[in-house]
Amino acid sequence: SFPCSATVARADDSSQKAHQVSLPDQVAGPLQVRAQLMYRKVDQFLLNFLFGADKGYTAPITVMSEDNAVVQVQS
């Protein structure tokens, strides 16, 4: 793990394709990245609102797509 500014990946800014992050000098080597696109048919907030959070109802989550990549981090 490494510290990453919250401004690196903003959901409302699709114009930027690459981001630069400052890391400590001692951090270098391969970084394994895994991303998943998950889908839930019913919003959890709505279920809690309709039935109460104490009931423990949850809608199943489906993984729609996923991918892995290795990024070489250089100091």
N, C-alpha and C. Protein backbone atom coordinates (compact mmCIF):
# COMPACT_ATOMS: atom_id res chain seq x y z
N SER A 1 0.85 -1.18 0.00
CA SER A 1 0.00 0.00 0.00
C SER A 1 0.89 1.23 0.00
N PHE A 2 0.33 2.34 -0.48
CA PHE A 2 1.05 3.60 -0.51
C PHE A 2 0.05 4.74 -0.41
N PRO A 3 0.49 5.88 0.12
CA PRO A 3 -0.43 7.02 0.22
C PRO A 3 -0.75 7.56 -1.17
N CYS A 4 -2.00 7.90 -1.36
CA CYS A 4 -2.44 8.41 -2.65
C CYS A 4 -3.43 9.55 -2.40
N SER A 5 -3.19 10.66 -3.02
CA SER A 5 -4.06 11.82 -2.86
C SER A 5 -5.45 11.52 -3.42
N ALA A 6 -6.47 12.01 -2.78
CA ALA A 6 -7.84 11.81 -3.25
C ALA A 6 -8.10 12.53 -4.57
N THR A 7 -7.26 13.49 -4.91
CA THR A 7 -7.46 14.24 -6.15
C THR A 7 -6.89 13.51 -7.36
N VAL A 8 -6.23 12.37 -7.16
CA VAL A 8 -5.63 11.65 -8.28
C VAL A 8 -6.69 11.12 -9.22
N ALA A 9 -7.71 10.49 -8.71
CA ALA A 9 -8.75 9.91 -9.56
C ALA A 9 -10.10 10.50 -9.16
N ARG A 10 -10.53 11.48 -9.90
CA ARG A 10 -11.83 12.09 -9.64
C ARG A 10 -12.83 11.55 -10.64
N ALA A 11 -13.96 11.09 -10.15
CA ALA A 11 -14.98 10.48 -11.01
C ALA A 11 -15.57 11.48 -12.00
N ASP A 12 -15.58 12.76 -11.64
CA ASP A 12 -16.21 13.76 -12.51
C ASP A 12 -15.24 14.34 -13.53
N ASP A 13 -14.00 13.87 -13.57
CA ASP A 13 -13.00 14.41 -14.50
C ASP A 13 -12.55 13.31 -15.44
N SER A 14 -13.28 13.12 -16.54
CA SER A 14 -12.95 12.05 -17.48
C SER A 14 -11.96 12.51 -18.55
N SER A 15 -11.55 13.79 -18.51
CA SER A 15 -10.65 14.29 -19.54
C SER A 15 -9.21 13.84 -19.33
N GLN A 16 -8.84 13.51 -18.10
CA GLN A 16 -7.47 13.09 -17.82
C GLN A 16 -7.35 11.58 -17.94
N LYS A 17 -6.37 11.13 -18.71
CA LYS A 17 -6.14 9.71 -18.91
C LYS A 17 -5.02 9.17 -18.04
N ALA A 18 -4.07 10.01 -17.66
CA ALA A 18 -2.94 9.57 -16.85
C ALA A 18 -2.80 10.50 -15.65
N HIS A 19 -2.34 9.93 -14.56
CA HIS A 19 -2.15 10.70 -13.34
C HIS A 19 -0.74 10.46 -12.82
N GLN A 20 -0.18 11.47 -12.21
CA GLN A 20 1.14 11.36 -11.63
C GLN A 20 1.00 11.47 -10.12
N VAL A 21 1.62 10.53 -9.42
CA VAL A 21 1.53 10.47 -7.97
C VAL A 21 2.94 10.51 -7.40
N SER A 22 3.16 11.32 -6.38
CA SER A 22 4.46 11.38 -5.72
C SER A 22 4.52 10.29 -4.66
N LEU A 23 5.54 9.46 -4.73
CA LEU A 23 5.73 8.38 -3.77
C LEU A 23 7.05 8.57 -3.03
N PRO A 24 7.17 8.00 -1.83
CA PRO A 24 8.46 8.06 -1.14
C PRO A 24 9.54 7.39 -1.99
N ASP A 25 10.80 7.82 -1.84
CA ASP A 25 11.90 7.30 -2.65
C ASP A 25 12.11 5.80 -2.51
N GLN A 26 11.82 5.24 -1.34
CA GLN A 26 12.10 3.83 -1.12
C GLN A 26 11.05 2.91 -1.76
N VAL A 27 9.98 3.46 -2.31
CA VAL A 27 8.94 2.64 -2.93
C VAL A 27 9.26 2.46 -4.40
N ALA A 28 9.53 1.22 -4.79
CA ALA A 28 9.81 0.90 -6.19
C ALA A 28 9.52 -0.58 -6.40
N GLY A 29 9.21 -0.95 -7.63
CA GLY A 29 8.94 -2.34 -7.95
C GLY A 29 7.56 -2.51 -8.55
N PRO A 30 7.13 -3.74 -8.70
CA PRO A 30 5.84 -4.00 -9.32
C PRO A 30 4.68 -3.69 -8.37
N LEU A 31 3.64 -3.10 -8.93
CA LEU A 31 2.42 -2.81 -8.18
C LEU A 31 1.28 -3.56 -8.85
N GLN A 32 0.69 -4.51 -8.17
CA GLN A 32 -0.42 -5.30 -8.70
C GLN A 32 -1.70 -4.50 -8.51
N VAL A 33 -2.44 -4.26 -9.59
CA VAL A 33 -3.68 -3.50 -9.55
C VAL A 33 -4.81 -4.41 -10.01
N ARG A 34 -5.89 -4.44 -9.24
CA ARG A 34 -7.06 -5.25 -9.59
C ARG A 34 -8.29 -4.34 -9.52
N ALA A 35 -9.08 -4.35 -10.57
CA ALA A 35 -10.29 -3.53 -10.62
C ALA A 35 -11.48 -4.40 -10.94
N GLN A 36 -12.60 -4.11 -10.29
CA GLN A 36 -13.84 -4.84 -10.54
C GLN A 36 -14.97 -3.85 -10.75
N LEU A 37 -15.82 -4.14 -11.72
CA LEU A 37 -17.06 -3.38 -11.91
C LEU A 37 -18.17 -4.24 -11.33
N MET A 38 -18.77 -3.73 -10.24
CA MET A 38 -19.78 -4.50 -9.52
C MET A 38 -21.15 -3.87 -9.71
N TYR A 39 -22.17 -4.72 -9.76
CA TYR A 39 -23.54 -4.27 -9.98
C TYR A 39 -24.43 -4.82 -8.88
N ARG A 40 -25.26 -3.95 -8.33
CA ARG A 40 -26.26 -4.37 -7.35
C ARG A 40 -27.61 -3.88 -7.86
N LYS A 41 -28.55 -4.79 -8.05
CA LYS A 41 -29.84 -4.47 -8.66
C LYS A 41 -30.64 -3.47 -7.82
N VAL A 42 -30.57 -3.60 -6.51
CA VAL A 42 -31.32 -2.72 -5.62
C VAL A 42 -30.32 -2.01 -4.71
N ASP A 43 -30.46 -0.69 -4.59
CA ASP A 43 -29.58 0.10 -3.75
C ASP A 43 -29.74 -0.30 -2.28
N GLN A 44 -28.62 -0.44 -1.57
CA GLN A 44 -28.66 -0.85 -0.17
C GLN A 44 -29.39 0.19 0.69
N PHE A 45 -29.22 1.46 0.38
CA PHE A 45 -29.92 2.51 1.12
C PHE A 45 -31.44 2.33 1.02
N LEU A 46 -31.93 1.99 -0.19
CA LEU A 46 -33.36 1.78 -0.38
C LEU A 46 -33.86 0.58 0.42
N LEU A 47 -33.10 -0.50 0.42
CA LEU A 47 -33.50 -1.67 1.21
C LEU A 47 -33.57 -1.33 2.70
N ASN A 48 -32.58 -0.60 3.19
CA ASN A 48 -32.58 -0.20 4.59
C ASN A 48 -33.75 0.72 4.91
N PHE A 49 -34.09 1.61 3.98
CA PHE A 49 -35.20 2.54 4.18
C PHE A 49 -36.54 1.79 4.21
N LEU A 50 -36.71 0.83 3.30
CA LEU A 50 -37.99 0.11 3.20
C LEU A 50 -38.19 -0.89 4.33
N PHE A 51 -37.14 -1.62 4.68
CA PHE A 51 -37.31 -2.73 5.62
C PHE A 51 -36.63 -2.50 6.96
N GLY A 52 -35.78 -1.49 7.05
CA GLY A 52 -35.04 -1.23 8.29
C GLY A 52 -33.67 -1.87 8.24
N ALA A 53 -32.67 -1.14 8.69
CA ALA A 53 -31.30 -1.64 8.66
C ALA A 53 -31.11 -2.85 9.57
N ASP A 54 -31.93 -2.94 10.61
CA ASP A 54 -31.79 -4.04 11.57
C ASP A 54 -32.23 -5.39 11.00
N LYS A 55 -32.95 -5.40 9.87
CA LYS A 55 -33.38 -6.66 9.25
C LYS A 55 -32.22 -7.40 8.57
N GLY A 56 -31.23 -6.66 8.13
CA GLY A 56 -30.07 -7.28 7.52
C GLY A 56 -30.25 -7.73 6.08
N TYR A 57 -31.28 -7.20 5.39
CA TYR A 57 -31.47 -7.55 3.98
C TYR A 57 -30.38 -6.91 3.12
N THR A 58 -29.85 -7.69 2.19
CA THR A 58 -28.90 -7.16 1.23
C THR A 58 -29.22 -7.73 -0.15
N ALA A 59 -29.00 -6.95 -1.17
CA ALA A 59 -29.18 -7.41 -2.54
C ALA A 59 -27.87 -8.06 -2.98
N PRO A 60 -27.94 -9.12 -3.75
CA PRO A 60 -26.71 -9.75 -4.21
C PRO A 60 -25.91 -8.82 -5.13
N ILE A 61 -24.61 -8.98 -5.07
CA ILE A 61 -23.70 -8.19 -5.90
C ILE A 61 -23.15 -9.09 -7.00
N THR A 62 -23.21 -8.60 -8.24
CA THR A 62 -22.70 -9.34 -9.39
C THR A 62 -21.47 -8.63 -9.92
N VAL A 63 -20.40 -9.38 -10.14
CA VAL A 63 -19.20 -8.81 -10.76
C VAL A 63 -19.43 -8.82 -12.26
N MET A 64 -19.56 -7.63 -12.86
CA MET A 64 -19.84 -7.51 -14.28
C MET A 64 -18.57 -7.67 -15.12
N SER A 65 -17.46 -7.14 -14.62
CA SER A 65 -16.19 -7.20 -15.34
C SER A 65 -15.07 -7.02 -14.33
N GLU A 66 -13.92 -7.60 -14.64
CA GLU A 66 -12.75 -7.40 -13.79
C GLU A 66 -11.49 -7.54 -14.62
N ASP A 67 -10.42 -6.92 -14.13
CA ASP A 67 -9.15 -6.99 -14.83
C ASP A 67 -8.02 -6.81 -13.84
N ASN A 68 -6.87 -7.31 -14.20
CA ASN A 68 -5.66 -7.19 -13.40
C ASN A 68 -4.57 -6.57 -14.26
N ALA A 69 -3.68 -5.83 -13.62
CA ALA A 69 -2.54 -5.26 -14.33
C ALA A 69 -1.39 -5.11 -13.35
N VAL A 70 -0.19 -5.11 -13.89
CA VAL A 70 1.00 -4.86 -13.09
C VAL A 70 1.62 -3.56 -13.59
N VAL A 71 1.80 -2.63 -12.67
CA VAL A 71 2.39 -1.33 -12.99
C VAL A 71 3.78 -1.31 -12.36
N GLN A 72 4.78 -0.99 -13.15
CA GLN A 72 6.14 -0.90 -12.62
C GLN A 72 6.34 0.49 -12.01
N VAL A 73 6.56 0.54 -10.71
CA VAL A 73 6.77 1.81 -10.00
C VAL A 73 8.28 2.05 -9.94
N GLN A 74 8.69 3.22 -10.39
CA GLN A 74 10.11 3.58 -10.40
C GLN A 74 10.35 4.70 -9.40
N SER A 75 11.46 4.62 -8.70
CA SER A 75 11.77 5.66 -7.73
C SER A 75 12.43 6.85 -8.41
